[in-house]
PDB file of N, CA and C in Angstrom:
ATOM      1  N   ASN A   1      60.732 119.138   7.071  1.00  0.00           N
ATOM      2  CA  ASN A   1      60.653 117.744   7.178  1.00  0.00           C
ATOM      3  C   ASN A   1      61.271 117.273   8.527  1.00  0.00           C
ATOM      4  N   PRO A   2      60.492 116.511   9.300  1.00  0.00           N
ATOM      5  CA  PRO A   2      61.003 115.947  10.533  1.00  0.00           C
ATOM      6  C   PRO A   2      61.976 114.852  10.212  1.00  0.00           C
ATOM      7  N   PRO A   3      62.949 114.679  11.118  1.00  0.00           N
ATOM      8  CA  PRO A   3      63.883 113.593  10.849  1.00  0.00           C
ATOM      9  C   PRO A   3      63.254 112.269  10.813  1.00  0.00           C
ATOM     10  N   ARG A   4      63.848 111.400  10.025  1.00  0.00           N
ATOM     11  CA  ARG A   4      63.243 110.051   9.834  1.00  0.00           C
ATOM     12  C   ARG A   4      63.506 109.229  11.063  1.00  0.00           C
ATOM     13  N   ALA A   5      62.526 108.545  11.574  1.00  0.00           N
ATOM     14  CA  ALA A   5      62.748 107.722  12.797  1.00  0.00           C
ATOM     15  C   ALA A   5      63.426 106.425  12.344  1.00  0.00           C
ATOM     16  N   THR A   6      64.468 106.179  12.967  1.00  0.00           N
ATOM     17  CA  THR A   6      65.245 104.972  12.788  1.00  0.00           C
ATOM     18  C   THR A   6      65.166 104.070  14.007  1.00  0.00           C
ATOM     19  N   PRO A   7      65.455 102.837  13.973  1.00  0.00           N
ATOM     20  CA  PRO A   7      65.431 101.975  15.140  1.00  0.00           C
ATOM     21  C   PRO A   7      66.193 102.633  16.361  1.00  0.00           C
ATOM     22  N   ASP A   8      67.380 103.217  16.098  1.00  0.00           N
ATOM     23  CA  ASP A   8      68.166 103.820  17.137  1.00  0.00           C
ATOM     24  C   ASP A   8      67.412 104.998  17.788  1.00  0.00           C
ATOM     25  N   THR A   9      66.843 105.848  17.057  1.00  0.00           N
ATOM     26  CA  THR A   9      66.243 107.052  17.673  1.00  0.00           C
ATOM     27  C   THR A   9      64.877 106.713  18.336  1.00  0.00           C
ATOM     28  N   ARG A  10      64.238 105.658  17.982  1.00  0.00           N
ATOM     29  CA  ARG A  10      62.987 105.388  18.590  1.00  0.00           C
ATOM     30  C   ARG A  10      63.210 104.836  20.041  1.00  0.00           C
ATOM     31  N   ARG A  11      64.389 104.316  20.293  1.00  0.00           N
ATOM     32  CA  ARG A  11      64.626 103.770  21.641  1.00  0.00           C
ATOM     33  C   ARG A  11      65.404 104.680  22.540  1.00  0.00           C
ATOM     34  N   MET A  12      65.734 105.835  22.013  1.00  0.00           N
ATOM     35  CA  MET A  12      66.537 106.733  22.839  1.00  0.00           C
ATOM     36  C   MET A  12      65.611 107.402  23.994  1.00  0.00           C
ATOM     37  N   PRO A  13      66.120 107.686  25.168  1.00  0.00           N
ATOM     38  CA  PRO A  13      65.393 108.279  26.137  1.00  0.00           C
ATOM     39  C   PRO A  13      65.031 109.745  25.805  1.00  0.00           C
ATOM     40  N   PRO A  14      63.971 110.252  26.351  1.00  0.00           N
ATOM     41  CA  PRO A  14      63.634 111.698  26.033  1.00  0.00           C
ATOM     42  C   PRO A  14      64.670 112.627  26.540  1.00  0.00           C
ATOM     43  N   PRO A  15      64.722 113.914  26.064  1.00  0.00           N
ATOM     44  CA  PRO A  15      65.742 114.810  26.551  1.00  0.00           C
ATOM     45  C   PRO A  15      65.503 115.050  28.059  1.00  0.00           C
ATOM     46  N   ALA A  16      66.590 115.560  28.679  1.00  0.00           N
ATOM     47  CA  ALA A  16      66.587 115.744  30.085  1.00  0.00           C
ATOM     48  C   ALA A  16      65.466 116.664  30.541  1.00  0.00           C
ATOM     49  N   ALA A  17      65.194 117.658  29.733  1.00  0.00           N
ATOM     50  CA  ALA A  17      64.151 118.683  30.110  1.00  0.00           C
ATOM     51  C   ALA A  17      62.692 117.984  30.155  1.00  0.00           C
ATOM     52  N   ALA A  18      62.538 116.958  29.384  1.00  0.00           N
ATOM     53  CA  ALA A  18      61.305 116.307  29.318  1.00  0.00           C
ATOM     54  C   ALA A  18      61.096 115.171  30.371  1.00  0.00           C
ATOM     55  N   ARG A  19      62.179 114.780  30.994  1.00  0.00           N
ATOM     56  CA  ARG A  19      62.129 113.718  32.023  1.00  0.00           C
ATOM     57  C   ARG A  19      61.480 114.341  33.290  1.00  0.00           C
ATOM     58  N   GLN A  20      60.738 113.415  33.998  1.00  0.00           N
ATOM     59  CA  GLN A  20      60.191 113.722  35.199  1.00  0.00           C
ATOM     60  C   GLN A  20      61.236 113.521  36.359  1.00  0.00           C
ATOM     61  N   PRO A  21      61.323 114.418  37.362  1.00  0.00           N
ATOM     62  CA  PRO A  21      62.308 114.176  38.431  1.00  0.00           C
ATOM     63  C   PRO A  21      61.939 112.932  39.274  1.00  0.00           C
ATOM     64  N   ALA A  22      62.939 112.291  39.786  1.00  0.00           N
ATOM     65  CA  ALA A  22      62.809 111.098  40.522  1.00  0.00           C
ATOM     66  C   ALA A  22      62.118 111.532  41.826  1.00  0.00           C
ATOM     67  N   PRO A  23      61.264 110.551  42.365  1.00  0.00           N
ATOM     68  CA  PRO A  23      60.621 110.825  43.699  1.00  0.00           C
ATOM     69  C   PRO A  23      61.720 110.944  44.759  1.00  0.00           C
ATOM     70  N   ALA A  24      61.544 111.749  45.724  1.00  0.00           N
ATOM     71  CA  ALA A  24      62.454 112.014  46.771  1.00  0.00           C
ATOM     72  C   ALA A  24      62.488 110.793  47.656  1.00  0.00           C
ATOM     73  N   ALA A  25      63.694 110.323  47.981  1.00  0.00           N
ATOM     74  CA  ALA A  25      63.816 109.222  48.918  1.00  0.00           C
ATOM     75  C   ALA A  25      63.525 109.596  50.362  1.00  0.00           C
ATOM     76  N   PRO A  26      62.997 108.652  51.157  1.00  0.00           N
ATOM     77  CA  PRO A  26      62.817 108.998  52.472  1.00  0.00           C
ATOM     78  C   PRO A  26      64.173 109.226  53.253  1.00  0.00           C
ATOM     79  N   PRO A  27      64.187 110.089  54.264  1.00  0.00           N
ATOM     80  CA  PRO A  27      65.497 110.284  54.942  1.00  0.00           C
ATOM     81  C   PRO A  27      66.080 109.155  55.576  1.00  0.00           C
ATOM     82  N   VAL A  28      67.354 108.995  55.518  1.00  0.00           N
ATOM     83  CA  VAL A  28      68.017 107.883  56.102  1.00  0.00           C
ATOM     84  C   VAL A  28      68.448 108.238  57.480  1.00  0.00           C
ATOM     85  N   ALA A  29      68.218 107.364  58.396  1.00  0.00           N
ATOM     86  CA  ALA A  29      68.649 107.587  59.827  1.00  0.00           C
ATOM     87  C   ALA A  29      70.122 107.607  59.866  1.00  0.00           C
ATOM     88  N   ALA A  30      70.593 108.420  60.703  1.00  0.00           N
ATOM     89  CA  ALA A  30      72.003 108.515  60.926  1.00  0.00           C
ATOM     90  C   ALA A  30      72.577 107.176  61.496  1.00  0.00           C
ATOM     91  N   ARG A  31      73.728 106.778  61.042  1.00  0.00           N
ATOM     92  CA  ARG A  31      74.355 105.543  61.589  1.00  0.00           C
ATOM     93  C   ARG A  31      74.870 105.730  63.018  1.00  0.00           C
ATOM     94  N   GLN A  32      74.605 104.767  63.820  1.00  0.00           N
ATOM     95  CA  GLN A  32      75.105 104.793  65.194  1.00  0.00           C
ATOM     96  C   GLN A  32      76.558 104.242  65.127  1.00  0.00           C
ATOM     97  N   PRO A  33      77.528 104.919  65.828  1.00  0.00           N
ATOM     98  CA  PRO A  33      78.829 104.357  65.874  1.00  0.00           C
ATOM     99  C   PRO A  33      78.890 103.018  66.576  1.00  0.00           C
ATOM    100  N   THR A  34      79.701 102.135  66.031  1.00  0.00           N
ATOM    101  CA  THR A  34      79.868 100.868  66.571  1.00  0.00           C
ATOM    102  C   THR A  34      81.086 100.921  67.466  1.00  0.00           C
ATOM    103  N   PRO A  35      81.058 100.155  68.560  1.00  0.00           N
ATOM    104  CA  PRO A  35      82.288 100.142  69.402  1.00  0.00           C
ATOM    105  C   PRO A  35      83.402  99.394  68.717  1.00  0.00           C
ATOM    106  N   ALA A  36      84.547  99.998  68.491  1.00  0.00           N
ATOM    107  CA  ALA A  36      85.653  99.386  67.835  1.00  0.00           C
ATOM    108  C   ALA A  36      86.466  98.562  68.739  1.00  0.00           C
ATOM    109  N   ALA A  37      86.443  98.593  70.047  1.00  0.00           N
ATOM    110  CA  ALA A  37      87.263  97.848  70.938  1.00  0.00           C
ATOM    111  C   ALA A  37      86.657  96.552  71.382  1.00  0.00           C
ATOM    112  N   ALA A  38      85.534  96.243  70.845  1.00  0.00           N
ATOM    113  CA  ALA A  38      84.768  94.965  71.248  1.00  0.00           C
ATOM    114  C   ALA A  38      84.973  93.934  70.161  1.00  0.00           C
ATOM    115  N   PRO A  39      86.052  92.985  70.295  1.00  0.00           N
ATOM    116  CA  PRO A  39      86.208  92.027  69.290  1.00  0.00           C
ATOM    117  C   PRO A  39      85.221  90.979  69.440  1.00  0.00           C
ATOM    118  N   ALA A  40      84.907  90.296  68.355  1.00  0.00           N
ATOM    119  CA  ALA A  40      83.856  89.224  68.422  1.00  0.00           C
ATOM    120  C   ALA A  40      84.455  87.960  69.051  1.00  0.00           C
ATOM    121  N   PRO A  41      83.688  87.313  69.896  1.00  0.00           N
ATOM    122  CA  PRO A  41      84.273  86.151  70.580  1.00  0.00           C
ATOM    123  C   PRO A  41      84.534  85.029  69.620  1.00  0.00           C
ATOM    124  N   ARG A  42      85.615  84.241  69.880  1.00  0.00           N
ATOM    125  CA  ARG A  42      85.955  83.186  69.029  1.00  0.00           C
ATOM    126  C   ARG A  42      85.014  82.068  69.093  1.00  0.00           C
ATOM    127  N   GLN A  43      85.022  81.337  70.202  1.00  0.00           N
ATOM    128  CA  GLN A  43      84.186  80.266  70.405  1.00  0.00           C
ATOM    129  C   GLN A  43      83.803  80.228  71.911  1.00  0.00           C
ATOM    130  N   SER A  44      82.511  79.912  72.129  1.00  0.00           N
ATOM    131  CA  SER A  44      82.047  79.883  73.519  1.00  0.00           C
ATOM    132  C   SER A  44      81.922  78.371  73.962  1.00  0.00           C
ATOM    133  N   ALA A  45      81.699  78.147  75.245  1.00  0.00           N
ATOM    134  CA  ALA A  45      81.592  76.899  75.779  1.00  0.00           C
ATOM    135  C   ALA A  45      80.224  76.225  75.298  1.00  0.00           C
ATOM    136  N   ALA A  46      79.362  77.047  74.951  1.00  0.00           N
ATOM    137  CA  ALA A  46      78.079  76.542  74.514  1.00  0.00           C
ATOM    138  C   ALA A  46      78.035  76.093  73.067  1.00  0.00           C
ATOM    139  N   SER A  47      79.154  76.408  72.239  1.00  0.00           N
ATOM    140  CA  SER A  47      79.148  75.980  70.813  1.00  0.00           C
ATOM    141  C   SER A  47      79.344  74.558  70.741  1.00  0.00           C
ATOM    142  N   PRO A  48      78.801  73.951  69.706  1.00  0.00           N
ATOM    143  CA  PRO A  48      78.926  72.480  69.621  1.00  0.00           C
ATOM    144  C   PRO A  48      80.433  72.098  69.229  1.00  0.00           C
ATOM    145  N   ALA A  49      80.731  70.876  69.677  1.00  0.00           N
ATOM    146  CA  ALA A  49      82.085  70.338  69.433  1.00  0.00           C
ATOM    147  C   ALA A  49      82.280  70.189  67.979  1.00  0.00           C
ATOM    148  N   PRO A  50      83.525  70.285  67.535  1.00  0.00           N
ATOM    149  CA  PRO A  50      83.790  69.977  66.108  1.00  0.00           C
ATOM    150  C   PRO A  50      83.294  68.643  65.685  1.00  0.00           C
ATOM    151  N   SER A  51      82.902  68.527  64.447  1.00  0.00           N
ATOM    152  CA  SER A  51      82.403  67.231  64.019  1.00  0.00           C
ATOM    153  C   SER A  51      83.436  66.330  63.546  1.00  0.00           C
ATOM    154  N   ARG A  52      84.654  66.809  63.426  1.00  0.00           N
ATOM    155  CA  ARG A  52      85.760  65.969  62.960  1.00  0.00           C
ATOM    156  C   ARG A  52      86.688  65.764  64.232  1.00  0.00           C
ATOM    157  N   PRO A  53      87.081  64.380  64.476  1.00  0.00           N
ATOM    158  CA  PRO A  53      87.899  64.212  65.579  1.00  0.00           C
ATOM    159  C   PRO A  53      89.297  64.755  65.390  1.00  0.00           C
ATOM    160  N   PHE A  54      89.982  65.091  66.485  1.00  0.00           N
ATOM    161  CA  PHE A  54      91.293  65.762  66.409  1.00  0.00           C
ATOM    162  C   PHE A  54      92.380  64.720  66.559  1.00  0.00           C
ATOM    163  N   ASP A  55      93.356  64.561  65.626  1.00  0.00           N
ATOM    164  CA  ASP A  55      94.419  63.662  65.754  1.00  0.00           C
ATOM    165  C   ASP A  55      95.703  64.459  65.923  1.00  0.00           C
ATOM    166  N   LEU A  56      96.213  64.457  67.198  1.00  0.00           N
ATOM    167  CA  LEU A  56      97.406  65.185  67.525  1.00  0.00           C
ATOM    168  C   LEU A  56      98.576  64.875  66.719  1.00  0.00           C
ATOM    169  N   GLU A  57      98.870  63.560  66.558  1.00  0.00           N
ATOM    170  CA  GLU A  57     100.027  63.142  65.859  1.00  0.00           C
ATOM    171  C   GLU A  57      99.987  63.574  64.369  1.00  0.00           C
ATOM    172  N   LYS A  58      99.005  63.351  63.756  1.00  0.00           N
ATOM    173  CA  LYS A  58      98.764  63.728  62.349  1.00  0.00           C
ATOM    174  C   LYS A  58      98.934  65.262  62.176  1.00  0.00           C
ATOM    175  N   SER A  59      98.349  66.024  63.044  1.00  0.00           N
ATOM    176  CA  SER A  59      98.348  67.486  62.999  1.00  0.00           C
ATOM    177  C   SER A  59      99.775  67.866  63.233  1.00  0.00           C
ATOM    178  N   LEU A  60     100.499  67.293  64.156  1.00  0.00           N
ATOM    179  CA  LEU A  60     101.901  67.588  64.519  1.00  0.00           C
ATOM    180  C   LEU A  60     102.816  67.373  63.219  1.00  0.00           C
ATOM    181  N   ARG A  61     102.587  66.125  62.583  1.00  0.00           N
ATOM    182  CA  ARG A  61     103.389  65.948  61.340  1.00  0.00           C
ATOM    183  C   ARG A  61     103.098  66.897  60.294  1.00  0.00           C
ATOM    184  N   HIS A  62     101.894  67.325  60.175  1.00  0.00           N
ATOM    185  CA  HIS A  62     101.542  68.237  59.086  1.00  0.00           C
ATOM    186  C   HIS A  62     102.188  69.615  59.357  1.00  0.00           C
ATOM    187  N   VAL A  63     102.041  70.063  60.612  1.00  0.00           N
ATOM    188  CA  VAL A  63     102.725  71.321  60.913  1.00  0.00           C
ATOM    189  C   VAL A  63     104.167  71.343  60.759  1.00  0.00           C
ATOM    190  N   GLU A  64     104.876  70.265  61.259  1.00  0.00           N
ATOM    191  CA  GLU A  64     106.294  70.110  61.113  1.00  0.00           C
ATOM    192  C   GLU A  64     106.740  70.074  59.664  1.00  0.00           C
ATOM    193  N   ALA A  65     106.073  69.363  58.879  1.00  0.00           N
ATOM    194  CA  ALA A  65     106.365  69.337  57.452  1.00  0.00           C
ATOM    195  C   ALA A  65     106.174  70.668  56.701  1.00  0.00           C
ATOM    196  N   SER A  66     105.130  71.313  57.011  1.00  0.00           N
ATOM    197  CA  SER A  66     104.910  72.644  56.447  1.00  0.00           C
ATOM    198  C   SER A  66     105.961  73.693  56.924  1.00  0.00           C
ATOM    199  N   LEU A  67     106.318  73.686  58.145  1.00  0.00           N
ATOM    200  CA  LEU A  67     107.331  74.509  58.726  1.00  0.00           C
ATOM    201  C   LEU A  67     108.683  74.171  57.990  1.00  0.00           C
ATOM    202  N   ARG A  68     108.929  72.987  57.851  1.00  0.00           N
ATOM    203  CA  ARG A  68     110.217  72.519  57.215  1.00  0.00           C
ATOM    204  C   ARG A  68     110.283  72.956  55.805  1.00  0.00           C
ATOM    205  N   LYS A  69     109.201  72.995  55.055  1.00  0.00           N
ATOM    206  CA  LYS A  69     109.217  73.384  53.698  1.00  0.00           C
ATOM    207  C   LYS A  69     109.256  74.912  53.443  1.00  0.00           C
ATOM    208  N   THR A  70     108.705  75.681  54.284  1.00  0.00           N
ATOM    209  CA  THR A  70     108.570  77.133  54.018  1.00  0.00           C
ATOM    210  C   THR A  70     109.896  77.864  54.245  1.00  0.00           C
ATOM    211  N   ALA A  71     110.226  78.785  53.502  1.00  0.00           N
ATOM    212  CA  ALA A  71     111.441  79.546  53.607  1.00  0.00           C
ATOM    213  C   ALA A  71     111.182  80.707  54.626  1.00  0.00           C
ATOM    214  N   ASN A  72     109.940  81.210  54.693  1.00  0.00           N
ATOM    215  CA  ASN A  72     109.603  82.339  55.644  1.00  0.00           C
ATOM    216  C   ASN A  72     108.980  81.705  56.953  1.00  0.00           C
ATOM    217  N   LYS A  73     109.703  81.303  57.847  1.00  0.00           N
ATOM    218  CA  LYS A  73     109.199  80.803  59.073  1.00  0.00           C
ATOM    219  C   LYS A  73     108.815  81.853  60.035  1.00  0.00           C
ATOM    220  N   PRO A  74     107.739  81.701  60.815  1.00  0.00           N
ATOM    221  CA  PRO A  74     107.420  82.734  61.697  1.00  0.00           C
ATOM    222  C   PRO A  74     108.511  82.905  62.819  1.00  0.00           C
ATOM    223  N   THR A  75     108.807  84.157  63.083  1.00  0.00           N
ATOM    224  CA  THR A  75     109.910  84.484  64.006  1.00  0.00           C
ATOM    225  C   THR A  75     109.397  84.875  65.339  1.00  0.00           C
ATOM    226  N   ARG A  76     108.110  85.023  65.533  1.00  0.00           N
ATOM    227  CA  ARG A  76     107.582  85.482  66.792  1.00  0.00           C
ATOM    228  C   ARG A  76     106.512  84.481  67.333  1.00  0.00           C
ATOM    229  N   ARG A  77     106.389  84.353  68.545  1.00  0.00           N
ATOM    230  CA  ARG A  77     105.400  83.354  69.127  1.00  0.00           C
ATOM    231  C   ARG A  77     103.973  83.507  68.564  1.00  0.00           C
ATOM    232  N   ALA A  78     103.535  84.768  68.566  1.00  0.00           N
ATOM    233  CA  ALA A  78     102.157  85.080  68.241  1.00  0.00           C
ATOM    234  C   ALA A  78     101.968  84.655  66.757  1.00  0.00           C
ATOM    235  N   ARG A  79     103.013  84.944  65.835  1.00  0.00           N
ATOM    236  CA  ARG A  79     102.908  84.616  64.510  1.00  0.00           C
ATOM    237  C   ARG A  79     102.861  83.073  64.183  1.00  0.00           C
ATOM    238  N   LEU A  80     103.654  82.362  65.147  1.00  0.00           N
ATOM    239  CA  LEU A  80     103.791  80.859  65.054  1.00  0.00           C
ATOM    240  C   LEU A  80     102.417  80.306  65.355  1.00  0.00           C
ATOM    241  N   MET A  81     101.738  80.868  66.452  1.00  0.00           N
ATOM    242  CA  MET A  81     100.459  80.455  66.825  1.00  0.00           C
ATOM    243  C   MET A  81      99.400  80.516  65.718  1.00  0.00           C
ATOM    244  N   ALA A  82      99.481  81.702  65.032  1.00  0.00           N
ATOM    245  CA  ALA A  82      98.590  81.900  63.968  1.00  0.00           C
ATOM    246  C   ALA A  82      98.829  81.030  62.732  1.00  0.00           C
ATOM    247  N   THR A  83     100.118  80.692  62.566  1.00  0.00           N
ATOM    248  CA  THR A  83     100.470  79.824  61.491  1.00  0.00           C
ATOM    249  C   THR A  83      99.963  78.424  61.752  1.00  0.00           C
ATOM    250  N   ILE A  84     100.165  77.851  62.986  1.00  0.00           N
ATOM    251  CA  ILE A  84      99.656  76.549  63.361  1.00  0.00           C
ATOM    252  C   ILE A  84      98.179  76.511  63.205  1.00  0.00           C
ATOM    253  N   ARG A  85      97.522  77.493  63.705  1.00  0.00           N
ATOM    254  CA  ARG A  85      95.982  77.536  63.627  1.00  0.00           C
ATOM    255  C   ARG A  85      95.545  77.459  62.176  1.00  0.00           C
ATOM    256  N   SER A  86      96.249  78.186  61.292  1.00  0.00           N
ATOM    257  CA  SER A  86      95.941  78.224  59.833  1.00  0.00           C
ATOM    258  C   SER A  86      96.228  76.894  59.161  1.00  0.00           C
ATOM    259  N   LEU A  87      97.331  76.219  59.591  1.00  0.00           N
ATOM    260  CA  LEU A  87      97.723  74.930  59.002  1.00  0.00           C
ATOM    261  C   LEU A  87      96.738  73.902  59.434  1.00  0.00           C
ATOM    262  N   LEU A  88      96.145  74.004  60.607  1.00  0.00           N
ATOM    263  CA  LEU A  88      95.272  72.957  61.154  1.00  0.00           C
ATOM    264  C   LEU A  88      93.841  73.042  60.612  1.00  0.00           C
ATOM    265  N   GLY A  89      93.498  74.279  59.988  1.00  0.00           N
ATOM    266  CA  GLY A  89      92.189  74.394  59.410  1.00  0.00           C
ATOM    267  C   GLY A  89      91.043  74.794  60.326  1.00  0.00           C
ATOM    268  N   GLN A  90      89.875  74.623  59.838  1.00  0.00           N
ATOM    269  CA  GLN A  90      88.687  75.207  60.499  1.00  0.00           C
ATOM    270  C   GLN A  90      88.393  74.448  61.854  1.00  0.00           C
ATOM    271  N   TRP A  91      88.996  73.285  62.065  1.00  0.00           N
ATOM    272  CA  TRP A  91      88.672  72.571  63.333  1.00  0.00           C
ATOM    273  C   TRP A  91      89.580  72.986  64.452  1.00  0.00           C
ATOM    274  N   ALA A  92      90.580  73.812  64.109  1.00  0.00           N
ATOM    275  CA  ALA A  92      91.582  74.207  65.091  1.00  0.00           C
ATOM    276  C   ALA A  92      90.952  75.164  66.136  1.00  0.00           C
ATOM    277  N   ASP A  93      91.098  74.909  67.449  1.00  0.00           N
ATOM    278  CA  ASP A  93      90.664  75.797  68.364  1.00  0.00           C
ATOM    279  C   ASP A  93      91.949  76.178  69.268  1.00  0.00           C
ATOM    280  N   ASP A  94      91.792  76.973  70.272  1.00  0.00           N
ATOM    281  CA  ASP A  94      92.915  77.388  71.086  1.00  0.00           C
ATOM    282  C   ASP A  94      93.591  76.162  71.764  1.00  0.00           C
ATOM    283  N   ALA A  95      92.806  75.205  72.238  1.00  0.00           N
ATOM    284  CA  ALA A  95      93.433  74.140  72.821  1.00  0.00           C
ATOM    285  C   ALA A  95      94.231  73.221  71.944  1.00  0.00           C
ATOM    286  N   THR A  96      93.725  73.094  70.771  1.00  0.00           N
ATOM    287  CA  THR A  96      94.411  72.218  69.761  1.00  0.00           C
ATOM    288  C   THR A  96      95.751  72.889  69.306  1.00  0.00           C
ATOM    289  N   THR A  97      95.584  74.212  69.133  1.00  0.00           N
ATOM    290  CA  THR A  97      96.782  74.972  68.688  1.00  0.00           C
ATOM    291  C   THR A  97      97.853  74.955  69.801  1.00  0.00           C
ATOM    292  N   GLN A  98      97.392  75.058  71.077  1.00  0.00           N
ATOM    293  CA  GLN A  98      98.386  74.997  72.167  1.00  0.00           C
ATOM    294  C   GLN A  98      99.037  73.681  72.351  1.00  0.00           C
ATOM    295  N   ALA A  99      98.165  72.634  72.064  1.00  0.00           N
ATOM    296  CA  ALA A  99      98.692  71.285  72.215  1.00  0.00           C
ATOM    297  C   ALA A  99      99.824  71.010  71.183  1.00  0.00           C
ATOM    298  N   VAL A 100      99.533  71.376  69.974  1.00  0.00           N
ATOM    299  CA  VAL A 100     100.588  71.248  68.880  1.00  0.00           C
ATOM    300  C   VAL A 100     101.846  72.092  69.210  1.00  0.00           C
ATOM    301  N   LEU A 101     101.692  73.244  69.680  1.00  0.00           N
ATOM    302  CA  LEU A 101     102.849  74.123  69.994  1.00  0.00           C
ATOM    303  C   LEU A 101     103.625  73.457  71.155  1.00  0.00           C
ATOM    304  N   GLN A 102     102.934  72.873  72.172  1.00  0.00           N
ATOM    305  CA  GLN A 102     103.577  72.230  73.288  1.00  0.00           C
ATOM    306  C   GLN A 102     104.382  70.947  72.843  1.00  0.00           C
ATOM    307  N   ARG A 103     103.822  70.195  71.930  1.00  0.00           N
ATOM    308  CA  ARG A 103     104.554  69.131  71.397  1.00  0.00           C
ATOM    309  C   ARG A 103     105.778  69.526  70.661  1.00  0.00           C
ATOM    310  N   LEU A 104     105.714  70.610  69.834  1.00  0.00           N
ATOM    311  CA  LEU A 104     106.902  71.110  69.077  1.00  0.00           C
ATOM    312  C   LEU A 104     107.915  71.601  70.068  1.00  0.00           C
ATOM    313  N   LEU A 105     107.497  72.297  71.152  1.00  0.00           N
ATOM    314  CA  LEU A 105     108.523  72.695  72.174  1.00  0.00           C
ATOM    315  C   LEU A 105     109.162  71.562  72.903  1.00  0.00           C
ATOM    316  N   SER A 106     108.329  70.572  73.304  1.00  0.00           N
ATOM    317  CA  SER A 106     108.856  69.409  74.170  1.00  0.00           C
ATOM    318  C   SER A 106     109.726  68.469  73.318  1.00  0.00           C
ATOM    319  N   SER A 107     109.519  68.396  71.997  1.00  0.00           N
ATOM    320  CA  SER A 107     110.365  67.649  71.132  1.00  0.00           C
ATOM    321  C   SER A 107     111.685  68.364  70.745  1.00  0.00           C
ATOM    322  N   GLY A 108     111.772  69.604  71.013  1.00  0.00           N
ATOM    323  CA  GLY A 108     112.937  70.390  70.758  1.00  0.00           C
ATOM    324  C   GLY A 108     113.021  70.888  69.322  1.00  0.00           C
ATOM    325  N   ARG A 109     111.993  70.624  68.566  1.00  0.00           N
ATOM    326  CA  ARG A 109     111.932  71.190  67.141  1.00  0.00           C
ATOM    327  C   ARG A 109     111.770  72.714  67.061  1.00  0.00           C
ATOM    328  N   VAL A 110     111.215  73.284  68.090  1.00  0.00           N
ATOM    329  CA  VAL A 110     110.950  74.726  68.137  1.00  0.00           C
ATOM    330  C   VAL A 110     111.336  75.171  69.528  1.00  0.00           C
ATOM    331  N   SER A 111     111.957  76.333  69.651  1.00  0.00           N
ATOM    332  CA  SER A 111     112.256  76.943  70.966  1.00  0.00           C
ATOM    333  C   SER A 111     111.867  78.388  70.882  1.00  0.00           C
ATOM    334  N   ILE A 112     111.387  78.853  71.991  1.00  0.00           N
ATOM    335  CA  ILE A 112     110.856  80.266  72.149  1.00  0.00           C
ATOM    336  C   ILE A 112     111.665  80.858  73.321  1.00  0.00           C
ATOM    337  N   ASP A 113     112.374  82.038  73.026  1.00  0.00           N
ATOM    338  CA  ASP A 113     113.029  82.576  74.239  1.00  0.00           C
ATOM    339  C   ASP A 113     112.046  83.538  75.062  1.00  0.00           C
ATOM    340  N   GLY A 114     112.543  84.123  76.078  1.00  0.00           N
ATOM    341  CA  GLY A 114     111.734  84.901  76.968  1.00  0.00           C
ATOM    342  C   GLY A 114     111.076  86.132  76.348  1.00  0.00           C
ATOM    343  N   GLN A 115     111.478  86.558  75.141  1.00  0.00           N
ATOM    344  CA  GLN A 115     111.052  87.709  74.467  1.00  0.00           C
ATOM    345  C   GLN A 115     110.111  87.413  73.397  1.00  0.00           C
ATOM    346  N   GLY A 116     109.868  86.084  73.252  1.00  0.00           N
ATOM    347  CA  GLY A 116     108.929  85.629  72.153  1.00  0.00           C
ATOM    348  C   GLY A 116     109.480  85.253  70.874  1.00  0.00           C
ATOM    349  N   ALA A 117     110.833  85.323  70.705  1.00  0.00           N
ATOM    350  CA  ALA A 117     111.542  85.047  69.432  1.00  0.00           C
ATOM    351  C   ALA A 117     111.523  83.517  69.227  1.00  0.00           C
ATOM    352  N   VAL A 118     111.256  83.038  68.103  1.00  0.00           N
ATOM    353  CA  VAL A 118     111.248  81.643  67.832  1.00  0.00           C
ATOM    354  C   VAL A 118     112.490  81.181  67.044  1.00  0.00           C
ATOM    355  N   ALA A 119     113.010  79.965  67.447  1.00  0.00           N
ATOM    356  CA  ALA A 119     114.195  79.328  66.744  1.00  0.00           C
ATOM    357  C   ALA A 119     113.795  77.911  66.468  1.00  0.00           C
ATOM    358  N   TYR A 120     114.227  77.474  65.280  1.00  0.00           N
ATOM    359  CA  TYR A 120     113.816  76.112  64.733  1.00  0.00           C
ATOM    360  C   TYR A 120     114.976  75.211  64.695  1.00  0.00           C
ATOM    361  N   ALA A 121     114.648  73.930  64.943  1.00  0.00           N
ATOM    362  CA  ALA A 121     115.706  72.792  64.796  1.00  0.00           C
ATOM    363  C   ALA A 121     114.936  71.675  63.970  1.00  0.00           C
ATOM    364  N   LEU A 122     114.498  72.067  62.800  1.00  0.00           N
ATOM    365  CA  LEU A 122     113.672  71.102  62.041  1.00  0.00           C
ATOM    366  C   LEU A 122     114.703  70.412  61.090  1.00  0.00           C
TER     367      LEU A 122
END
């Protein structure tokens, strides 16, 4: 007697020996190495201006308040620049970030020594 066909056995795939081999895939071209030392440009002069106007005073207040609240303040100039850019959001460019940093420096809220170490007077 052959085994009784149940709903589970009717839907099972055939044994491996009865299966047809998959068609061979076409050969894949070797990947060309990409240059690792070429960083993507940030913004070019031909890119459109941001659609949101830049308010230096508002941005300065926001950065000061955020730096005042955080326990882990950036201790190096490069990290402070990255933090300011992050706090200002997608409309921040290099000029905006530099302007906010200059205002922090001129007001005496932040000082940077010759080796790039940052000190705060918030």
